[in-house]
Amino acid sequence: MAKTQLNVRVDEDTARAARERATARGMSVNRYIEELVRQDAGEVGRAFVDAAADFMRQYESVFAEEFTEARGTGAGEGHG
């Protein structure tokens, strides 16, 4: 993805906090702020939901079978 420059003015306390948090996470201030914006824009949450939905689609039959058996409505019901 192409990068573009964005200049932002913040007070010294905010700048210090950004530097400290970026350093603690082992990343640059640029990367730290980029991550914050992505999270705020919902990309991380949306990716999680998409992955969860894909997982459910892949294993839908397994869950349906398991819950049917657990409720006693499976093919073996009444035998026993």
Protein backbone atom coordinates (compact mmCIF):
# COMPACT_ATOMS: atom_id res chain seq x y z
CA MET A 1 0.00 0.00 0.00
CA ALA A 2 1.33 3.44 -0.89
CA LYS A 3 2.19 5.70 2.02
CA THR A 4 1.37 9.35 2.39
CA GLN A 5 2.71 11.82 4.90
CA LEU A 6 0.41 13.26 7.52
CA ASN A 7 1.62 16.02 9.85
CA VAL A 8 -0.14 16.27 13.18
CA ARG A 9 0.43 18.75 15.99
CA VAL A 10 -0.06 17.52 19.55
CA ASP A 11 0.97 18.82 22.95
CA GLU A 12 4.22 17.60 24.48
CA ASP A 13 2.51 15.23 26.93
CA THR A 14 0.66 13.50 24.09
CA ALA A 15 3.84 13.26 22.03
CA ARG A 16 5.72 11.80 25.00
CA ALA A 17 2.97 9.27 25.65
CA ALA A 18 2.95 8.23 21.98
CA ARG A 19 6.73 7.75 22.00
CA GLU A 20 6.67 5.78 25.25
CA ARG A 21 3.83 3.50 24.16
CA ALA A 22 5.37 2.91 20.74
CA THR A 23 8.71 2.04 22.33
CA ALA A 24 7.03 -0.31 24.82
CA ARG A 25 5.41 -2.13 21.89
CA GLY A 26 8.64 -2.23 19.93
CA MET A 27 7.39 -0.10 17.06
CA SER A 28 7.85 3.34 15.60
CA VAL A 29 5.56 6.20 16.53
CA ASN A 30 4.32 6.21 12.93
CA ARG A 31 3.39 2.52 13.12
CA TYR A 32 1.82 2.97 16.56
CA ILE A 33 -0.43 5.79 15.37
CA GLU A 34 -1.28 3.88 12.20
CA GLU A 35 -2.36 0.90 14.34
CA LEU A 36 -4.49 3.15 16.57
CA VAL A 37 -6.28 4.63 13.57
CA ARG A 38 -6.90 1.19 12.06
CA GLN A 39 -8.33 -0.07 15.33
CA ASP A 40 -10.51 3.01 15.64
CA ALA A 41 -11.71 2.58 12.07
CA GLY A 42 -12.80 -0.93 12.97
CA GLU A 43 -10.52 -2.87 10.64
CA VAL A 44 -9.27 -5.12 13.44
CA GLY A 45 -12.76 -5.84 14.72
CA ARG A 46 -14.12 -6.35 11.24
CA ALA A 47 -11.32 -8.79 10.41
CA PHE A 48 -12.11 -10.76 13.58
CA VAL A 49 -15.81 -10.91 12.77
CA ASP A 50 -15.09 -11.95 9.18
CA ALA A 51 -12.76 -14.71 10.38
CA ALA A 52 -15.31 -15.91 12.94
CA ALA A 53 -18.06 -15.97 10.31
CA ASP A 54 -15.81 -17.95 7.96
CA PHE A 55 -15.03 -20.42 10.75
CA MET A 56 -18.73 -20.87 11.49
CA ARG A 57 -19.48 -21.47 7.80
CA GLN A 58 -16.74 -24.09 7.58
CA TYR A 59 -17.85 -25.97 10.71
CA GLU A 60 -21.60 -25.33 10.65
CA SER A 61 -22.45 -29.00 10.09
CA VAL A 62 -20.17 -30.10 12.93
CA PHE A 63 -21.84 -27.69 15.37
CA ALA A 64 -25.32 -28.64 14.19
CA GLU A 65 -24.56 -32.33 14.66
CA GLU A 66 -22.98 -31.83 18.08
CA PHE A 67 -25.83 -29.71 19.43
CA THR A 68 -28.46 -32.04 18.02
CA GLU A 69 -26.82 -35.00 19.79
CA ALA A 70 -26.36 -33.02 23.02
CA ARG A 71 -30.06 -32.16 23.12
CA GLY A 72 -31.07 -35.75 22.63
CA THR A 73 -32.70 -35.20 19.28
CA GLY A 74 -30.15 -37.14 17.27
CA ALA A 75 -30.64 -40.34 15.31
CA GLY A 76 -29.87 -42.47 18.38
CA GLU A 77 -32.63 -40.95 20.53
CA GLY A 78 -34.82 -43.35 22.37
CA HIS A 79 -32.38 -46.22 22.07
CA GLY A 80 -30.86 -47.10 25.34
